[in-house]
């Protein structure tokens, strides 16, 4: 079962209201105390041997999930004048739903049509990670990846399709495991030229 949401008329750059700055420092003492208090509120004995180190482990796990690895944007001159799609499929990611603090995970398919510069291929995966490792919703994640590439690479076009399963939907609430949500964002030529758009979608499929 798949639900589809298409976001085609996105801005050419990430919106400041959705691209919040990342927290660089975590007060681990306060964070561990808060986790311990939460567990206690649910009737758990955090002084027991089995739960003794759980608050610290939870904080370390959240730090890892909410902090992307830094990277340098590596571009190269498009000396050959390459003007066809560059697509990296099945970029695996995991993010945290900002509504329930439960993970959603899946794959992103990211493509661009080069302009004057081309991008190191691994950097497409790093851009996905940069926006996934934070509190997110899938629609915003999709738009931010497309907008960031449009702003920093100045390509002729960008296309992003994200497919993910949300634990907040599969293990709680409606409890519908296996349901995947598909979101898309296209910019430039991929939005304006039906043939290029169709080529991108066919390559993703």
N, C-alpha and C. Protein backbone atom coordinates (compact mmCIF):
# COMPACT_ATOMS: atom_id res chain seq x y z
N UNK A 1 0.86 -1.19 0.00
CA UNK A 1 0.00 0.00 0.00
C UNK A 1 0.89 1.23 0.00
N UNK A 2 0.59 2.17 -0.90
CA UNK A 2 1.42 3.36 -1.03
C UNK A 2 0.54 4.58 -1.10
N UNK A 3 0.87 5.61 -0.35
CA UNK A 3 0.19 6.88 -0.48
C UNK A 3 1.13 7.85 -1.17
N UNK A 4 0.60 8.71 -2.02
CA UNK A 4 1.45 9.58 -2.83
C UNK A 4 1.08 11.04 -2.58
N UNK A 5 2.10 11.83 -2.33
CA UNK A 5 1.96 13.26 -2.21
C UNK A 5 2.98 13.89 -3.13
N UNK A 6 2.53 14.75 -4.04
CA UNK A 6 3.45 15.35 -4.99
C UNK A 6 3.60 16.83 -4.70
N UNK A 7 4.85 17.28 -4.58
CA UNK A 7 5.16 18.69 -4.30
C UNK A 7 6.02 19.20 -5.45
N UNK A 8 5.34 19.80 -6.46
CA UNK A 8 6.05 20.18 -7.66
C UNK A 8 6.39 21.67 -7.70
N UNK A 9 5.64 22.48 -6.99
CA UNK A 9 5.84 23.92 -7.08
C UNK A 9 6.59 24.43 -5.87
N UNK A 10 7.78 23.84 -5.63
CA UNK A 10 8.57 24.24 -4.49
C UNK A 10 9.42 25.45 -4.84
N UNK A 11 9.92 26.12 -3.81
CA UNK A 11 10.78 27.28 -4.03
C UNK A 11 12.13 26.84 -4.56
N UNK A 12 12.85 27.78 -5.16
CA UNK A 12 14.16 27.48 -5.71
C UNK A 12 15.23 27.37 -4.64
N UNK A 13 14.91 27.64 -3.41
CA UNK A 13 15.84 27.46 -2.30
C UNK A 13 15.07 27.05 -1.07
N UNK A 14 15.76 26.49 -0.05
CA UNK A 14 15.07 26.07 1.16
C UNK A 14 14.49 27.25 1.91
N UNK A 15 13.28 27.11 2.40
CA UNK A 15 12.64 28.20 3.13
C UNK A 15 13.25 28.34 4.51
N UNK A 16 13.60 29.57 4.92
CA UNK A 16 14.22 29.75 6.23
C UNK A 16 13.38 29.19 7.37
N UNK A 17 12.04 29.27 7.25
CA UNK A 17 11.18 28.82 8.34
C UNK A 17 11.25 27.32 8.55
N UNK A 18 11.67 26.55 7.53
CA UNK A 18 11.74 25.10 7.67
C UNK A 18 13.16 24.61 7.78
N UNK A 19 14.14 25.48 7.54
CA UNK A 19 15.54 25.05 7.64
C UNK A 19 16.13 25.60 8.92
N UNK A 20 15.65 25.07 10.04
CA UNK A 20 16.09 25.57 11.33
C UNK A 20 17.55 25.21 11.58
N UNK A 21 18.32 26.11 12.22
CA UNK A 21 19.72 25.78 12.52
C UNK A 21 19.82 24.61 13.48
N UNK A 22 20.82 23.78 13.29
CA UNK A 22 21.00 22.61 14.12
C UNK A 22 21.65 23.00 15.44
N UNK A 23 21.24 22.34 16.52
CA UNK A 23 21.84 22.56 17.83
C UNK A 23 23.21 21.88 17.85
N UNK A 24 24.25 22.64 18.17
CA UNK A 24 25.60 22.11 18.17
C UNK A 24 26.01 21.54 19.52
N UNK A 25 25.35 21.98 20.59
CA UNK A 25 25.73 21.52 21.93
C UNK A 25 24.51 20.94 22.62
N UNK A 26 24.67 19.79 23.26
CA UNK A 26 23.60 19.14 23.99
C UNK A 26 23.97 19.12 25.47
N UNK A 27 23.07 19.57 26.31
CA UNK A 27 23.25 19.49 27.76
C UNK A 27 22.92 18.05 28.16
N UNK A 28 23.92 17.18 28.13
CA UNK A 28 23.67 15.76 28.34
C UNK A 28 23.15 15.47 29.75
N UNK A 29 23.61 16.23 30.74
CA UNK A 29 23.14 16.01 32.11
C UNK A 29 21.64 16.26 32.19
N UNK A 30 21.20 17.40 31.64
CA UNK A 30 19.77 17.72 31.66
C UNK A 30 18.97 16.75 30.81
N UNK A 31 19.54 16.35 29.66
CA UNK A 31 18.84 15.43 28.77
C UNK A 31 18.65 14.07 29.42
N UNK A 32 19.70 13.56 30.08
CA UNK A 32 19.59 12.25 30.74
C UNK A 32 18.59 12.32 31.89
N UNK A 33 18.60 13.42 32.61
CA UNK A 33 17.63 13.57 33.71
C UNK A 33 16.20 13.59 33.17
N UNK A 34 16.01 14.24 32.03
CA UNK A 34 14.68 14.30 31.43
C UNK A 34 14.20 12.93 30.97
N UNK A 35 15.10 12.13 30.39
CA UNK A 35 14.74 10.78 29.98
C UNK A 35 14.39 9.93 31.19
N UNK A 36 15.19 10.04 32.24
CA UNK A 36 14.91 9.29 33.46
C UNK A 36 13.56 9.68 34.06
N UNK A 37 13.26 10.98 34.02
CA UNK A 37 11.98 11.45 34.56
C UNK A 37 10.82 10.92 33.72
N UNK A 38 11.00 10.88 32.40
CA UNK A 38 9.95 10.36 31.53
C UNK A 38 9.69 8.88 31.81
N UNK A 39 10.76 8.09 31.92
CA UNK A 39 10.59 6.67 32.22
C UNK A 39 9.92 6.47 33.57
N UNK A 40 10.31 7.28 34.54
CA UNK A 40 9.69 7.18 35.87
C UNK A 40 8.20 7.51 35.81
N UNK A 41 7.84 8.48 34.96
CA UNK A 41 6.43 8.86 34.82
C UNK A 41 5.60 7.71 34.26
N UNK A 42 6.23 6.80 33.52
CA UNK A 42 5.55 5.63 32.99
C UNK A 42 5.65 4.43 33.94
N UNK A 43 6.13 4.67 35.15
CA UNK A 43 6.17 3.63 36.15
C UNK A 43 7.39 2.73 36.10
N UNK A 44 8.40 3.11 35.35
CA UNK A 44 9.61 2.30 35.25
C UNK A 44 10.58 2.65 36.38
N UNK A 45 11.29 1.66 36.85
CA UNK A 45 12.28 1.86 37.91
C UNK A 45 13.65 2.10 37.27
N UNK A 46 14.01 3.36 37.12
CA UNK A 46 15.26 3.68 36.43
C UNK A 46 16.49 3.38 37.27
N UNK A 47 16.27 3.03 38.54
CA UNK A 47 17.41 2.65 39.39
C UNK A 47 17.71 1.16 39.29
N UNK A 48 16.88 0.42 38.54
CA UNK A 48 17.12 -1.01 38.39
C UNK A 48 18.36 -1.24 37.53
N UNK A 49 18.95 -2.41 37.70
CA UNK A 49 20.19 -2.71 36.97
C UNK A 49 19.97 -2.67 35.46
N UNK A 50 18.83 -3.15 35.01
CA UNK A 50 18.59 -3.22 33.57
C UNK A 50 18.37 -1.85 32.93
N UNK A 51 17.87 -0.88 33.68
CA UNK A 51 17.59 0.45 33.14
C UNK A 51 18.61 1.50 33.59
N UNK A 52 19.60 1.07 34.37
CA UNK A 52 20.53 2.03 34.97
C UNK A 52 21.20 2.93 33.92
N UNK A 53 21.64 2.38 32.80
CA UNK A 53 22.33 3.19 31.79
C UNK A 53 21.45 3.63 30.65
N UNK A 54 20.14 3.36 30.74
CA UNK A 54 19.25 3.66 29.60
C UNK A 54 19.17 5.15 29.29
N UNK A 55 18.99 6.05 30.26
CA UNK A 55 18.92 7.47 29.89
C UNK A 55 20.13 7.95 29.10
N UNK A 56 21.32 7.54 29.50
CA UNK A 56 22.53 7.96 28.77
C UNK A 56 22.54 7.38 27.36
N UNK A 57 22.10 6.12 27.21
CA UNK A 57 22.08 5.51 25.89
C UNK A 57 21.06 6.20 24.98
N UNK A 58 19.91 6.56 25.55
CA UNK A 58 18.89 7.25 24.76
C UNK A 58 19.43 8.59 24.26
N UNK A 59 20.10 9.33 25.12
CA UNK A 59 20.65 10.63 24.73
C UNK A 59 21.69 10.47 23.64
N UNK A 60 22.57 9.47 23.77
CA UNK A 60 23.58 9.25 22.73
C UNK A 60 22.94 8.88 21.40
N UNK A 61 21.89 8.07 21.46
CA UNK A 61 21.20 7.68 20.24
C UNK A 61 20.55 8.89 19.56
N UNK A 62 19.92 9.74 20.35
CA UNK A 62 19.29 10.94 19.79
C UNK A 62 20.32 11.89 19.20
N UNK A 63 21.45 12.03 19.90
CA UNK A 63 22.51 12.87 19.36
C UNK A 63 22.95 12.39 17.98
N UNK A 64 23.10 11.07 17.86
CA UNK A 64 23.53 10.51 16.58
C UNK A 64 22.48 10.71 15.50
N UNK A 65 21.21 10.56 15.84
CA UNK A 65 20.15 10.66 14.85
C UNK A 65 19.83 12.09 14.45
N UNK A 66 20.20 13.04 15.31
CA UNK A 66 19.84 14.44 15.06
C UNK A 66 21.03 15.29 14.62
N UNK A 67 22.20 14.68 14.43
CA UNK A 67 23.38 15.44 14.02
C UNK A 67 23.96 14.87 12.74
N UNK A 68 23.83 15.57 11.62
CA UNK A 68 24.47 15.08 10.39
C UNK A 68 25.97 15.26 10.44
N UNK A 69 26.67 14.43 9.72
CA UNK A 69 28.11 14.58 9.61
C UNK A 69 28.44 15.78 8.73
N UNK A 70 29.40 16.61 9.13
CA UNK A 70 29.77 17.75 8.28
C UNK A 70 30.43 17.27 6.99
N UNK A 71 30.25 18.02 5.94
CA UNK A 71 30.90 17.69 4.68
C UNK A 71 31.15 18.96 3.88
N UNK A 72 32.14 18.88 3.00
CA UNK A 72 32.43 19.98 2.10
C UNK A 72 31.76 19.72 0.76
N UNK A 73 31.12 20.75 0.22
CA UNK A 73 30.49 20.61 -1.08
C UNK A 73 31.57 20.55 -2.16
N UNK A 74 31.66 19.42 -2.84
CA UNK A 74 32.67 19.23 -3.87
C UNK A 74 32.02 19.29 -5.24
N UNK A 75 32.38 20.30 -6.02
CA UNK A 75 31.88 20.41 -7.39
C UNK A 75 33.06 20.49 -8.35
N UNK A 76 32.77 20.16 -9.60
CA UNK A 76 33.80 20.17 -10.64
C UNK A 76 33.26 20.86 -11.87
N UNK A 77 34.14 21.47 -12.67
CA UNK A 77 33.66 22.11 -13.90
C UNK A 77 33.04 21.08 -14.84
N UNK A 78 31.96 21.44 -15.44
CA UNK A 78 31.30 20.57 -16.42
C UNK A 78 31.94 20.80 -17.78
N UNK A 79 33.23 20.41 -17.89
CA UNK A 79 34.01 20.72 -19.09
C UNK A 79 33.46 20.04 -20.34
N UNK A 80 32.84 18.88 -20.18
CA UNK A 80 32.32 18.16 -21.35
C UNK A 80 30.94 18.66 -21.76
N UNK A 81 30.39 19.57 -21.00
CA UNK A 81 29.07 20.08 -21.33
C UNK A 81 27.97 19.05 -21.19
N UNK A 82 28.11 18.14 -20.21
CA UNK A 82 27.11 17.10 -20.02
C UNK A 82 25.77 17.73 -19.67
N UNK A 83 24.72 17.37 -20.44
CA UNK A 83 23.43 18.02 -20.24
C UNK A 83 22.28 17.02 -20.11
N UNK A 84 22.60 15.82 -19.62
CA UNK A 84 21.58 14.81 -19.35
C UNK A 84 21.45 14.62 -17.84
N UNK A 85 20.45 13.86 -17.45
CA UNK A 85 20.20 13.65 -16.04
C UNK A 85 21.32 12.88 -15.36
N UNK A 86 21.63 13.28 -14.14
CA UNK A 86 22.49 12.51 -13.25
C UNK A 86 21.60 12.07 -12.09
N UNK A 87 21.46 10.76 -11.91
CA UNK A 87 20.53 10.23 -10.92
C UNK A 87 21.23 9.25 -9.99
N UNK A 88 21.04 9.44 -8.69
CA UNK A 88 21.46 8.46 -7.70
C UNK A 88 20.20 7.91 -7.06
N UNK A 89 20.00 6.61 -7.19
CA UNK A 89 18.79 5.97 -6.68
C UNK A 89 19.06 5.29 -5.34
N UNK A 90 17.96 5.08 -4.62
CA UNK A 90 17.96 4.24 -3.42
C UNK A 90 18.97 4.71 -2.36
N UNK A 91 19.00 6.01 -2.10
CA UNK A 91 19.82 6.54 -1.01
C UNK A 91 19.08 6.27 0.30
N UNK A 92 19.59 5.34 1.09
CA UNK A 92 18.91 4.95 2.32
C UNK A 92 19.06 6.05 3.38
N UNK A 93 17.99 6.28 4.14
CA UNK A 93 18.04 7.28 5.20
C UNK A 93 17.09 6.87 6.32
N UNK A 94 17.32 7.43 7.49
CA UNK A 94 16.40 7.34 8.62
C UNK A 94 16.29 8.72 9.24
N UNK A 95 15.07 9.10 9.57
CA UNK A 95 14.85 10.39 10.20
C UNK A 95 13.89 10.20 11.36
N UNK A 96 13.66 11.27 12.13
CA UNK A 96 12.75 11.23 13.28
C UNK A 96 11.54 12.11 13.01
N UNK A 97 10.37 11.51 13.09
CA UNK A 97 9.13 12.28 12.94
C UNK A 97 9.02 13.30 14.07
N UNK A 98 8.84 14.55 13.72
CA UNK A 98 8.80 15.58 14.76
C UNK A 98 7.49 15.57 15.55
N UNK A 99 6.50 14.82 15.09
CA UNK A 99 5.22 14.79 15.80
C UNK A 99 5.18 13.72 16.89
N UNK A 100 5.89 12.59 16.69
CA UNK A 100 5.83 11.50 17.66
C UNK A 100 7.22 11.05 18.14
N UNK A 101 8.28 11.62 17.57
CA UNK A 101 9.65 11.21 17.88
C UNK A 101 9.87 9.73 17.60
N UNK A 102 9.21 9.23 16.56
CA UNK A 102 9.42 7.87 16.09
C UNK A 102 10.10 7.92 14.73
N UNK A 103 10.94 6.94 14.42
CA UNK A 103 11.67 6.98 13.15
C UNK A 103 10.77 6.77 11.94
N UNK A 104 11.16 7.37 10.84
CA UNK A 104 10.67 6.95 9.53
C UNK A 104 11.90 6.74 8.65
N UNK A 105 11.86 5.72 7.84
CA UNK A 105 13.03 5.36 7.05
C UNK A 105 12.60 4.89 5.67
N UNK A 106 13.53 5.02 4.75
CA UNK A 106 13.25 4.61 3.38
C UNK A 106 14.41 4.97 2.48
N UNK A 107 14.07 5.36 1.25
CA UNK A 107 15.09 5.71 0.27
C UNK A 107 14.72 7.01 -0.43
N UNK A 108 15.74 7.71 -0.88
CA UNK A 108 15.56 8.92 -1.68
C UNK A 108 16.21 8.69 -3.04
N UNK A 109 15.55 9.15 -4.08
CA UNK A 109 16.10 9.14 -5.43
C UNK A 109 16.32 10.61 -5.81
N UNK A 110 17.56 10.97 -6.09
CA UNK A 110 17.91 12.38 -6.31
C UNK A 110 18.57 12.53 -7.67
N UNK A 111 18.07 13.46 -8.46
CA UNK A 111 18.61 13.69 -9.80
C UNK A 111 18.77 15.18 -10.04
N UNK A 112 19.72 15.50 -10.91
CA UNK A 112 19.85 16.89 -11.36
C UNK A 112 20.37 16.90 -12.78
N UNK A 113 20.08 17.98 -13.45
CA UNK A 113 20.59 18.21 -14.80
C UNK A 113 21.66 19.29 -14.70
N UNK A 114 22.93 18.95 -14.93
CA UNK A 114 24.02 19.89 -14.65
C UNK A 114 23.94 21.18 -15.45
N UNK A 115 24.44 22.21 -14.80
CA UNK A 115 24.69 23.46 -15.49
C UNK A 115 26.18 23.59 -15.72
N UNK A 116 26.79 24.63 -15.15
CA UNK A 116 28.22 24.84 -15.34
C UNK A 116 29.07 23.92 -14.46
N UNK A 117 28.49 23.37 -13.40
CA UNK A 117 29.24 22.53 -12.46
C UNK A 117 28.54 21.18 -12.30
N UNK A 118 29.34 20.15 -11.98
CA UNK A 118 28.81 18.85 -11.61
C UNK A 118 29.23 18.56 -10.17
N UNK A 119 28.49 17.66 -9.53
CA UNK A 119 28.66 17.41 -8.12
C UNK A 119 29.27 16.03 -7.90
N UNK A 120 30.17 15.92 -6.91
CA UNK A 120 30.65 14.60 -6.51
C UNK A 120 29.46 13.74 -6.09
N UNK A 121 29.35 12.52 -6.63
CA UNK A 121 28.14 11.72 -6.46
C UNK A 121 27.84 11.43 -5.00
N UNK A 122 28.87 11.20 -4.19
CA UNK A 122 28.60 10.88 -2.78
C UNK A 122 27.93 12.04 -2.06
N UNK A 123 28.09 13.24 -2.59
CA UNK A 123 27.53 14.41 -1.93
C UNK A 123 26.00 14.44 -2.01
N UNK A 124 25.43 13.77 -3.01
CA UNK A 124 23.97 13.70 -3.07
C UNK A 124 23.44 12.93 -1.86
N UNK A 125 24.13 11.85 -1.50
CA UNK A 125 23.74 11.10 -0.31
C UNK A 125 23.96 11.93 0.95
N UNK A 126 25.03 12.72 0.98
CA UNK A 126 25.31 13.55 2.16
C UNK A 126 24.25 14.64 2.34
N UNK A 127 23.74 15.18 1.23
CA UNK A 127 22.69 16.19 1.33
C UNK A 127 21.42 15.58 1.92
N UNK A 128 21.08 14.37 1.48
CA UNK A 128 19.92 13.69 2.05
C UNK A 128 20.13 13.49 3.55
N UNK A 129 21.31 13.02 3.94
CA UNK A 129 21.60 12.81 5.36
C UNK A 129 21.53 14.11 6.14
N UNK A 130 22.01 15.19 5.57
CA UNK A 130 22.04 16.48 6.26
C UNK A 130 20.64 16.91 6.68
N UNK A 131 19.66 16.67 5.82
CA UNK A 131 18.30 17.08 6.16
C UNK A 131 17.50 15.98 6.87
N UNK A 132 17.96 14.73 6.76
CA UNK A 132 17.25 13.64 7.44
C UNK A 132 17.59 13.59 8.92
N UNK A 133 18.82 13.93 9.29
CA UNK A 133 19.24 13.82 10.69
C UNK A 133 18.82 15.05 11.48
N UNK A 134 17.52 15.14 11.66
CA UNK A 134 16.91 16.20 12.44
C UNK A 134 15.44 15.83 12.62
N UNK A 135 14.73 16.52 13.47
CA UNK A 135 13.30 16.31 13.57
C UNK A 135 12.66 16.77 12.27
N UNK A 136 11.85 15.89 11.65
CA UNK A 136 11.42 16.16 10.29
C UNK A 136 9.98 15.71 10.04
N UNK A 137 9.47 16.17 8.91
CA UNK A 137 8.34 15.56 8.23
C UNK A 137 8.80 15.28 6.80
N UNK A 138 8.25 14.26 6.19
CA UNK A 138 8.77 13.81 4.89
C UNK A 138 8.60 14.87 3.81
N UNK A 139 7.49 15.59 3.84
CA UNK A 139 7.27 16.61 2.81
C UNK A 139 8.36 17.68 2.85
N UNK A 140 8.69 18.13 4.06
CA UNK A 140 9.73 19.16 4.20
C UNK A 140 11.09 18.62 3.78
N UNK A 141 11.40 17.39 4.20
CA UNK A 141 12.67 16.77 3.82
C UNK A 141 12.84 16.76 2.31
N UNK A 142 11.79 16.37 1.59
CA UNK A 142 11.85 16.31 0.13
C UNK A 142 12.13 17.68 -0.47
N UNK A 143 11.42 18.68 0.01
CA UNK A 143 11.60 20.03 -0.52
C UNK A 143 12.96 20.61 -0.17
N UNK A 144 13.45 20.31 1.04
CA UNK A 144 14.73 20.87 1.44
C UNK A 144 15.88 20.31 0.61
N UNK A 145 15.86 19.01 0.32
CA UNK A 145 16.92 18.43 -0.52
C UNK A 145 16.91 19.08 -1.90
N UNK A 146 15.73 19.19 -2.50
CA UNK A 146 15.64 19.80 -3.83
C UNK A 146 16.05 21.27 -3.79
N UNK A 147 15.58 22.00 -2.79
CA UNK A 147 15.89 23.42 -2.70
C UNK A 147 17.36 23.69 -2.47
N UNK A 148 17.99 22.86 -1.62
CA UNK A 148 19.41 23.04 -1.32
C UNK A 148 20.25 22.83 -2.58
N UNK A 149 19.93 21.79 -3.35
CA UNK A 149 20.68 21.54 -4.59
C UNK A 149 20.45 22.66 -5.58
N UNK A 150 19.21 23.14 -5.67
CA UNK A 150 18.94 24.23 -6.58
C UNK A 150 19.69 25.50 -6.22
N UNK A 151 19.82 25.75 -4.92
CA UNK A 151 20.49 26.98 -4.46
C UNK A 151 22.00 26.89 -4.58
N UNK A 152 22.59 25.74 -4.23
CA UNK A 152 24.05 25.64 -4.14
C UNK A 152 24.72 25.15 -5.42
N UNK A 153 23.97 24.46 -6.28
CA UNK A 153 24.58 23.89 -7.48
C UNK A 153 24.20 24.66 -8.74
N UNK A 154 23.10 25.41 -8.68
CA UNK A 154 22.58 26.13 -9.85
C UNK A 154 22.46 25.22 -11.08
N UNK A 155 21.80 24.08 -10.94
CA UNK A 155 21.64 23.18 -12.08
C UNK A 155 20.50 23.65 -12.98
N UNK A 156 20.35 23.00 -14.11
CA UNK A 156 19.23 23.30 -14.99
C UNK A 156 17.92 22.74 -14.45
N UNK A 157 18.02 21.69 -13.66
CA UNK A 157 16.84 21.11 -13.07
C UNK A 157 17.21 20.15 -11.95
N UNK A 158 16.26 19.92 -11.04
CA UNK A 158 16.45 19.01 -9.91
C UNK A 158 15.18 18.19 -9.74
N UNK A 159 15.36 16.90 -9.41
CA UNK A 159 14.22 16.06 -9.08
C UNK A 159 14.53 15.21 -7.86
N UNK A 160 13.59 15.14 -6.93
CA UNK A 160 13.76 14.34 -5.72
C UNK A 160 12.48 13.56 -5.47
N UNK A 161 12.62 12.25 -5.29
CA UNK A 161 11.50 11.40 -4.87
C UNK A 161 11.93 10.67 -3.60
N UNK A 162 11.09 10.73 -2.58
CA UNK A 162 11.38 10.08 -1.30
C UNK A 162 10.27 9.07 -1.02
N UNK A 163 10.67 7.84 -0.68
CA UNK A 163 9.74 6.79 -0.29
C UNK A 163 10.11 6.35 1.12
N UNK A 164 9.13 6.32 2.02
CA UNK A 164 9.46 5.97 3.40
C UNK A 164 8.29 5.32 4.12
N UNK A 165 8.63 4.48 5.10
CA UNK A 165 7.64 3.92 6.01
C UNK A 165 7.79 4.61 7.35
N UNK A 166 6.67 5.03 7.92
CA UNK A 166 6.66 5.79 9.16
C UNK A 166 6.17 4.90 10.30
N UNK A 167 7.03 4.76 11.32
CA UNK A 167 6.63 3.93 12.47
C UNK A 167 5.44 4.52 13.21
N UNK A 168 5.26 5.84 13.14
CA UNK A 168 4.11 6.44 13.80
C UNK A 168 2.80 6.02 13.14
N UNK A 169 2.91 5.46 11.94
CA UNK A 169 1.73 4.95 11.25
C UNK A 169 1.65 3.43 11.28
N UNK A 170 2.81 2.77 11.38
CA UNK A 170 2.82 1.30 11.28
C UNK A 170 2.74 0.59 12.62
N UNK A 171 3.19 1.23 13.72
CA UNK A 171 3.16 0.54 15.01
C UNK A 171 2.23 1.20 16.01
N UNK A 172 1.59 2.31 15.63
CA UNK A 172 0.63 2.97 16.52
C UNK A 172 -0.49 3.54 15.64
N UNK A 173 -1.47 4.13 16.28
CA UNK A 173 -2.54 4.75 15.52
C UNK A 173 -3.26 3.73 14.64
N UNK A 174 -3.22 3.96 13.34
CA UNK A 174 -3.90 3.07 12.40
C UNK A 174 -3.25 1.69 12.32
N UNK A 175 -1.97 1.59 12.70
CA UNK A 175 -1.22 0.33 12.72
C UNK A 175 -1.32 -0.38 11.36
N UNK A 176 -0.73 0.26 10.38
CA UNK A 176 -0.76 -0.25 9.01
C UNK A 176 0.68 -0.49 8.53
N UNK A 177 1.31 -1.60 8.96
CA UNK A 177 2.70 -1.86 8.57
C UNK A 177 2.81 -2.10 7.07
N UNK A 178 3.95 -1.68 6.51
CA UNK A 178 4.20 -1.86 5.09
C UNK A 178 3.71 -0.72 4.22
N UNK A 179 2.97 0.22 4.81
CA UNK A 179 2.51 1.38 4.04
C UNK A 179 3.67 2.34 3.81
N UNK A 180 3.86 2.74 2.57
CA UNK A 180 4.94 3.67 2.23
C UNK A 180 4.35 4.96 1.68
N UNK A 181 4.91 6.05 2.11
CA UNK A 181 4.52 7.38 1.62
C UNK A 181 5.54 7.84 0.60
N UNK A 182 5.07 8.36 -0.52
CA UNK A 182 5.93 8.84 -1.60
C UNK A 182 5.72 10.33 -1.78
N UNK A 183 6.78 11.11 -1.70
CA UNK A 183 6.72 12.54 -1.94
C UNK A 183 7.71 12.90 -3.03
N UNK A 184 7.43 13.96 -3.76
CA UNK A 184 8.32 14.36 -4.83
C UNK A 184 8.42 15.87 -4.91
N UNK A 185 9.55 16.34 -5.41
CA UNK A 185 9.76 17.76 -5.67
C UNK A 185 10.61 17.89 -6.93
N UNK A 186 10.20 18.76 -7.84
CA UNK A 186 10.94 18.97 -9.08
C UNK A 186 11.12 20.46 -9.31
N UNK A 187 12.28 20.83 -9.83
CA UNK A 187 12.62 22.22 -10.10
C UNK A 187 13.13 22.37 -11.52
N UNK A 188 13.01 23.57 -12.05
CA UNK A 188 13.63 23.90 -13.33
C UNK A 188 13.11 23.05 -14.47
N UNK A 189 14.05 22.52 -15.27
CA UNK A 189 13.69 21.76 -16.46
C UNK A 189 12.84 20.55 -16.12
N UNK A 190 13.09 19.92 -15.00
CA UNK A 190 12.32 18.74 -14.65
C UNK A 190 10.87 19.07 -14.32
N UNK A 191 10.60 20.30 -13.99
CA UNK A 191 9.23 20.73 -13.77
C UNK A 191 8.60 21.26 -15.04
N UNK A 192 9.40 21.98 -15.85
CA UNK A 192 8.84 22.68 -17.00
C UNK A 192 8.77 21.86 -18.27
N UNK A 193 9.66 20.88 -18.42
CA UNK A 193 9.72 20.07 -19.64
C UNK A 193 9.09 18.70 -19.37
N UNK A 194 7.92 18.42 -19.94
CA UNK A 194 7.24 17.14 -19.66
C UNK A 194 8.09 15.93 -20.04
N UNK A 195 8.88 16.02 -21.10
CA UNK A 195 9.70 14.88 -21.52
C UNK A 195 10.79 14.59 -20.49
N UNK A 196 11.45 15.63 -20.00
CA UNK A 196 12.50 15.44 -19.01
C UNK A 196 11.91 14.93 -17.70
N UNK A 197 10.77 15.46 -17.35
CA UNK A 197 10.09 15.00 -16.13
C UNK A 197 9.73 13.53 -16.24
N UNK A 198 9.18 13.14 -17.40
CA UNK A 198 8.80 11.74 -17.61
C UNK A 198 10.03 10.83 -17.58
N UNK A 199 11.15 11.30 -18.14
CA UNK A 199 12.37 10.50 -18.11
C UNK A 199 12.83 10.28 -16.66
N UNK A 200 12.79 11.34 -15.86
CA UNK A 200 13.19 11.22 -14.46
C UNK A 200 12.31 10.22 -13.72
N UNK A 201 11.00 10.32 -13.88
CA UNK A 201 10.10 9.42 -13.17
C UNK A 201 10.25 7.98 -13.65
N UNK A 202 10.51 7.79 -14.93
CA UNK A 202 10.70 6.43 -15.44
C UNK A 202 11.99 5.82 -14.91
N UNK A 203 13.05 6.63 -14.78
CA UNK A 203 14.31 6.12 -14.23
C UNK A 203 14.17 5.77 -12.75
N UNK A 204 13.38 6.55 -12.02
CA UNK A 204 13.15 6.28 -10.61
C UNK A 204 12.39 4.96 -10.45
N UNK A 205 11.40 4.74 -11.30
CA UNK A 205 10.63 3.51 -11.21
C UNK A 205 11.43 2.30 -11.63
